[in-house]
Structure formats: structure tokens, C-alpha cells
Amino acid sequence: DINIWKLFWPAILMFVGVSVLFDMGTGKAKKQASNSNIQAIFYGEEAKNDGKYTGGAISAVFGGVELDLRKADVKDGAEIEVFAFCGGIELHLPSDVIVENRVRGFLGGSEDKTRPDEKAKKKVIIKGDCLLGGLEIR
């Protein structure tokens, strides 16, 4: 007879302890290089890119990530891989890109609020999963 709740909370506490030991982030705004690989586990992360952006991966587990690419030079065809589990991801994209949203949701979802310019030709592909979490694209 196994009780999942008796295993769940110790596993969460061990995970938090390991993340503190390996200092998985400070929660302050950071400048990223050409790509962004951001993980937010049980905390919030803010990142900004003002240079070239070629793509990256974003994970939010019981936490949140905000990535600001409004002033970045986004490469045409850039791919952003997202994973949200009981957390949220917010992407701010420049108005010169068109979003192709391939995100799947299970008890969560994604919302595309972008308004591309009429001259927008660059495409950004966003793919991944939202499980009990969400993605907002602005």
C-alpha cells in the first residue's frame, strides 16, 4: 500500500534543497547572450535581451519566467522551447515577428496576444508543453 502524498512532499523538499545547493538563480533581471536557456524552479526569473536572439529553452516549474525580447534582433526561424508545470511563462516579442504557436496544453494553455506589423516577415516558432501552467505571448 503506497500513499503518493507521503512520497510527494519529501521529494519536493529534496528538490528545493538541491536547487539551493546548486544556486539555480537569483530571480533578478539578467541580460542573456544570443540564446536563452532559463530555468525557474520554485522562484521567479526575469531576463532581457537587447542583442541578437537565435532561440532557446524556458522551463517554469512551480515558478515563473518573464523574457523580454522587445529590443532584441530576433533571427528569422528562431525556435523557443517552453515547458510550464504549475508555473507560468511570459514572452515579450518585438512587433516585427510573426508567432507560430505549437504549444500543447493539458489543464493549462497558451495565449498569443501579439500584434505584428504589416511589414513583419520574421517567424518565431514556439513549441513545448504547458501542464497545469500557462504561456502568455505579448
C-alpha atoms as a PDB file:
ATOM      1  CA  ASP A   1       0.000   0.000   0.000  1.00  0.00           C
ATOM      2  CA  ILE A   2       1.698   3.199  -1.210  1.00  0.00           C
ATOM      3  CA  ASN A   3       0.444   6.663  -0.371  1.00  0.00           C
ATOM      4  CA  ILE A   4       1.549   9.154  -3.032  1.00  0.00           C
ATOM      5  CA  TRP A   5       1.224  12.153  -0.688  1.00  0.00           C
ATOM      6  CA  LYS A   6       3.754  10.645   1.728  1.00  0.00           C
ATOM      7  CA  LEU A   7       6.268  10.467  -1.132  1.00  0.00           C
ATOM      8  CA  PHE A   8       5.395  13.764  -2.829  1.00  0.00           C
ATOM      9  CA  TRP A   9       6.294  16.272  -0.092  1.00  0.00           C
ATOM     10  CA  PRO A  10       9.692  14.748   0.806  1.00  0.00           C
ATOM     11  CA  ALA A  11      10.578  14.678  -2.894  1.00  0.00           C
ATOM     12  CA  ILE A  12       9.643  18.364  -3.242  1.00  0.00           C
ATOM     13  CA  LEU A  13      11.715  19.310  -0.181  1.00  0.00           C
ATOM     14  CA  MET A  14      14.731  17.387  -1.515  1.00  0.00           C
ATOM     15  CA  PHE A  15      14.364  19.100  -4.881  1.00  0.00           C
ATOM     16  CA  VAL A  16      14.259  22.546  -3.257  1.00  0.00           C
ATOM     17  CA  GLY A  17      17.343  21.702  -1.200  1.00  0.00           C
ATOM     18  CA  VAL A  18      19.298  20.597  -4.274  1.00  0.00           C
ATOM     19  CA  SER A  19      18.274  23.723  -6.190  1.00  0.00           C
ATOM     20  CA  VAL A  20      19.519  25.897  -3.313  1.00  0.00           C
ATOM     21  CA  LEU A  21      22.817  24.000  -3.192  1.00  0.00           C
ATOM     22  CA  PHE A  22      23.419  24.471  -6.902  1.00  0.00           C
ATOM     23  CA  ASP A  23      22.125  28.093  -6.896  1.00  0.00           C
ATOM     24  CA  MET A  24      19.701  27.772  -9.799  1.00  0.00           C
ATOM     25  CA  GLY A  25      19.141  31.519  -9.962  1.00  0.00           C
ATOM     26  CA  THR A  26      18.687  34.768  -8.111  1.00  0.00           C
ATOM     27  CA  GLY A  27      15.372  35.963  -9.523  1.00  0.00           C
ATOM     28  CA  LYS A  28      16.873  39.285 -10.691  1.00  0.00           C
ATOM     29  CA  ALA A  29      16.806  40.577 -14.248  1.00  0.00           C
ATOM     30  CA  LYS A  30      19.658  39.244 -16.360  1.00  0.00           C
ATOM     31  CA  LYS A  31      20.992  40.036 -19.789  1.00  0.00           C
ATOM     32  CA  GLN A  32      21.219  36.932 -21.938  1.00  0.00           C
ATOM     33  CA  ALA A  33      23.533  36.098 -24.817  1.00  0.00           C
ATOM     34  CA  SER A  34      22.332  35.088 -28.288  1.00  0.00           C
ATOM     35  CA  ASN A  35      20.106  32.348 -26.901  1.00  0.00           C
ATOM     36  CA  SER A  36      18.275  31.929 -23.625  1.00  0.00           C
ATOM     37  CA  ASN A  37      18.157  28.778 -21.570  1.00  0.00           C
ATOM     38  CA  ILE A  38      16.216  29.758 -18.481  1.00  0.00           C
ATOM     39  CA  GLN A  39      15.002  27.531 -15.665  1.00  0.00           C
ATOM     40  CA  ALA A  40      12.812  28.767 -12.843  1.00  0.00           C
ATOM     41  CA  ILE A  41      12.025  26.146 -10.234  1.00  0.00           C
ATOM     42  CA  PHE A  42      10.101  27.390  -7.193  1.00  0.00           C
ATOM     43  CA  TYR A  43      11.047  31.030  -7.886  1.00  0.00           C
ATOM     44  CA  GLY A  44      10.678  33.800 -10.459  1.00  0.00           C
ATOM     45  CA  GLU A  45      13.144  34.746 -13.169  1.00  0.00           C
ATOM     46  CA  GLU A  46      13.277  37.880 -15.321  1.00  0.00           C
ATOM     47  CA  ALA A  47      15.538  38.089 -18.366  1.00  0.00           C
ATOM     48  CA  LYS A  48      16.077  40.690 -21.063  1.00  0.00           C
ATOM     49  CA  ASN A  49      17.887  40.527 -24.383  1.00  0.00           C
ATOM     50  CA  ASP A  50      18.898  43.652 -26.310  1.00  0.00           C
ATOM     51  CA  GLY A  51      21.223  41.924 -28.792  1.00  0.00           C
ATOM     52  CA  LYS A  52      20.835  39.084 -31.269  1.00  0.00           C
ATOM     53  CA  TYR A  53      18.483  36.265 -30.333  1.00  0.00           C
ATOM     54  CA  THR A  54      18.599  32.859 -32.016  1.00  0.00           C
ATOM     55  CA  GLY A  55      16.305  30.822 -29.753  1.00  0.00           C
ATOM     56  CA  GLY A  56      16.418  28.885 -26.526  1.00  0.00           C
ATOM     57  CA  ALA A  57      14.587  26.870 -23.904  1.00  0.00           C
ATOM     58  CA  ILE A  58      12.475  28.087 -20.999  1.00  0.00           C
ATOM     59  CA  SER A  59      11.238  25.959 -18.094  1.00  0.00           C
ATOM     60  CA  ALA A  60       8.989  27.059 -15.244  1.00  0.00           C
ATOM     61  CA  VAL A  61       8.171  24.524 -12.528  1.00  0.00           C
ATOM     62  CA  PHE A  62       6.145  25.952  -9.636  1.00  0.00           C
ATOM     63  CA  GLY A  63       7.564  29.338 -10.620  1.00  0.00           C
ATOM     64  CA  GLY A  64       7.518  31.983 -13.305  1.00  0.00           C
ATOM     65  CA  VAL A  65       9.686  33.303 -16.132  1.00  0.00           C
ATOM     66  CA  GLU A  66       9.442  36.639 -17.931  1.00  0.00           C
ATOM     67  CA  LEU A  67      11.603  37.014 -21.057  1.00  0.00           C
ATOM     68  CA  ASP A  68      11.724  40.450 -22.734  1.00  0.00           C
ATOM     69  CA  LEU A  69      12.874  40.369 -26.366  1.00  0.00           C
ATOM     70  CA  ARG A  70      11.241  43.622 -27.498  1.00  0.00           C
ATOM     71  CA  LYS A  71      14.587  45.308 -28.230  1.00  0.00           C
ATOM     72  CA  ALA A  72      16.326  42.163 -29.497  1.00  0.00           C
ATOM     73  CA  ASP A  73      17.237  41.363 -33.084  1.00  0.00           C
ATOM     74  CA  VAL A  74      15.328  38.092 -33.381  1.00  0.00           C
ATOM     75  CA  LYS A  75      16.611  35.705 -36.042  1.00  0.00           C
ATOM     76  CA  ASP A  76      14.080  34.553 -38.637  1.00  0.00           C
ATOM     77  CA  GLY A  77      13.047  30.990 -37.783  1.00  0.00           C
ATOM     78  CA  ALA A  78      14.167  31.207 -34.148  1.00  0.00           C
ATOM     79  CA  GLU A  79      12.728  28.417 -32.003  1.00  0.00           C
ATOM     80  CA  ILE A  80      11.763  28.768 -28.372  1.00  0.00           C
ATOM     81  CA  GLU A  81      11.106  25.538 -26.465  1.00  0.00           C
ATOM     82  CA  VAL A  82       8.839  26.055 -23.443  1.00  0.00           C
ATOM     83  CA  PHE A  83       7.815  23.836 -20.529  1.00  0.00           C
ATOM     84  CA  ALA A  84       5.480  25.047 -17.792  1.00  0.00           C
ATOM     85  CA  PHE A  85       4.386  22.784 -14.947  1.00  0.00           C
ATOM     86  CA  CYS A  86       2.283  24.554 -12.296  1.00  0.00           C
ATOM     87  CA  GLY A  87       4.003  27.760 -13.365  1.00  0.00           C
ATOM     88  CA  GLY A  88       3.851  30.497 -15.935  1.00  0.00           C
ATOM     89  CA  ILE A  89       5.952  31.884 -18.777  1.00  0.00           C
ATOM     90  CA  GLU A  90       5.535  35.365 -20.241  1.00  0.00           C
ATOM     91  CA  LEU A  91       7.270  36.278 -23.512  1.00  0.00           C
ATOM     92  CA  HIS A  92       7.503  39.834 -24.846  1.00  0.00           C
ATOM     93  CA  LEU A  93       8.343  39.808 -28.564  1.00  0.00           C
ATOM     94  CA  PRO A  94       9.112  42.683 -30.950  1.00  0.00           C
ATOM     95  CA  SER A  95       6.421  43.785 -33.391  1.00  0.00           C
ATOM     96  CA  ASP A  96       8.481  42.730 -36.427  1.00  0.00           C
ATOM     97  CA  VAL A  97       7.949  38.983 -35.829  1.00  0.00           C
ATOM     98  CA  ILE A  98       5.105  36.590 -36.569  1.00  0.00           C
ATOM     99  CA  VAL A  99       4.471  33.886 -33.971  1.00  0.00           C
ATOM    100  CA  GLU A 100       3.834  30.271 -34.898  1.00  0.00           C
ATOM    101  CA  ASN A 101       2.420  28.737 -31.724  1.00  0.00           C
ATOM    102  CA  ARG A 102       2.881  24.945 -31.482  1.00  0.00           C
ATOM    103  CA  VAL A 103       2.429  24.688 -27.714  1.00  0.00           C
ATOM    104  CA  ARG A 104       0.319  21.836 -26.328  1.00  0.00           C
ATOM    105  CA  GLY A 105      -1.608  22.196 -23.101  1.00  0.00           C
ATOM    106  CA  PHE A 106      -3.017  19.820 -20.522  1.00  0.00           C
ATOM    107  CA  LEU A 107      -5.094  21.615 -17.878  1.00  0.00           C
ATOM    108  CA  GLY A 108      -3.153  24.683 -18.948  1.00  0.00           C
ATOM    109  CA  GLY A 109      -2.576  26.540 -22.153  1.00  0.00           C
ATOM    110  CA  SER A 110      -1.068  29.361 -24.140  1.00  0.00           C
ATOM    111  CA  GLU A 111      -2.350  32.720 -25.272  1.00  0.00           C
ATOM    112  CA  ASP A 112      -0.948  34.737 -28.167  1.00  0.00           C
ATOM    113  CA  LYS A 113      -1.578  38.485 -27.747  1.00  0.00           C
ATOM    114  CA  THR A 114       0.957  39.665 -30.329  1.00  0.00           C
ATOM    115  CA  ARG A 115       0.129  42.307 -32.914  1.00  0.00           C
ATOM    116  CA  PRO A 116       2.729  42.046 -35.682  1.00  0.00           C
ATOM    117  CA  ASP A 117       3.389  44.960 -38.024  1.00  0.00           C
ATOM    118  CA  GLU A 118       2.126  44.745 -41.576  1.00  0.00           C
ATOM    119  CA  LYS A 119       5.765  44.547 -42.715  1.00  0.00           C
ATOM    120  CA  ALA A 120       6.622  41.699 -40.327  1.00  0.00           C
ATOM    121  CA  LYS A 121       8.362  38.847 -42.131  1.00  0.00           C
ATOM    122  CA  LYS A 122      10.405  37.124 -39.423  1.00  0.00           C
ATOM    123  CA  LYS A 123       8.893  33.998 -37.925  1.00  0.00           C
ATOM    124  CA  VAL A 124       9.361  32.743 -34.362  1.00  0.00           C
ATOM    125  CA  ILE A 125       8.352  29.161 -33.622  1.00  0.00           C
ATOM    126  CA  ILE A 126       7.255  28.467 -30.060  1.00  0.00           C
ATOM    127  CA  LYS A 127       6.787  24.825 -29.139  1.00  0.00           C
ATOM    128  CA  GLY A 128       6.509  22.794 -25.986  1.00  0.00           C
ATOM    129  CA  ASP A 129       4.073  21.833 -23.251  1.00  0.00           C
ATOM    130  CA  CYS A 130       2.029  23.564 -20.561  1.00  0.00           C
ATOM    131  CA  LEU A 131       0.871  21.174 -17.836  1.00  0.00           C
ATOM    132  CA  LEU A 132      -1.234  22.886 -15.192  1.00  0.00           C
ATOM    133  CA  GLY A 133       0.550  26.062 -16.254  1.00  0.00           C
ATOM    134  CA  GLY A 134       0.416  28.764 -18.847  1.00  0.00           C
ATOM    135  CA  LEU A 135       2.243  30.703 -21.531  1.00  0.00           C
ATOM    136  CA  GLU A 136       1.429  34.279 -22.491  1.00  0.00           C
ATOM    137  CA  ILE A 137       2.978  35.770 -25.640  1.00  0.00           C
ATOM    138  CA  ARG A 138       2.845  39.549 -25.981  1.00  0.00           C
END
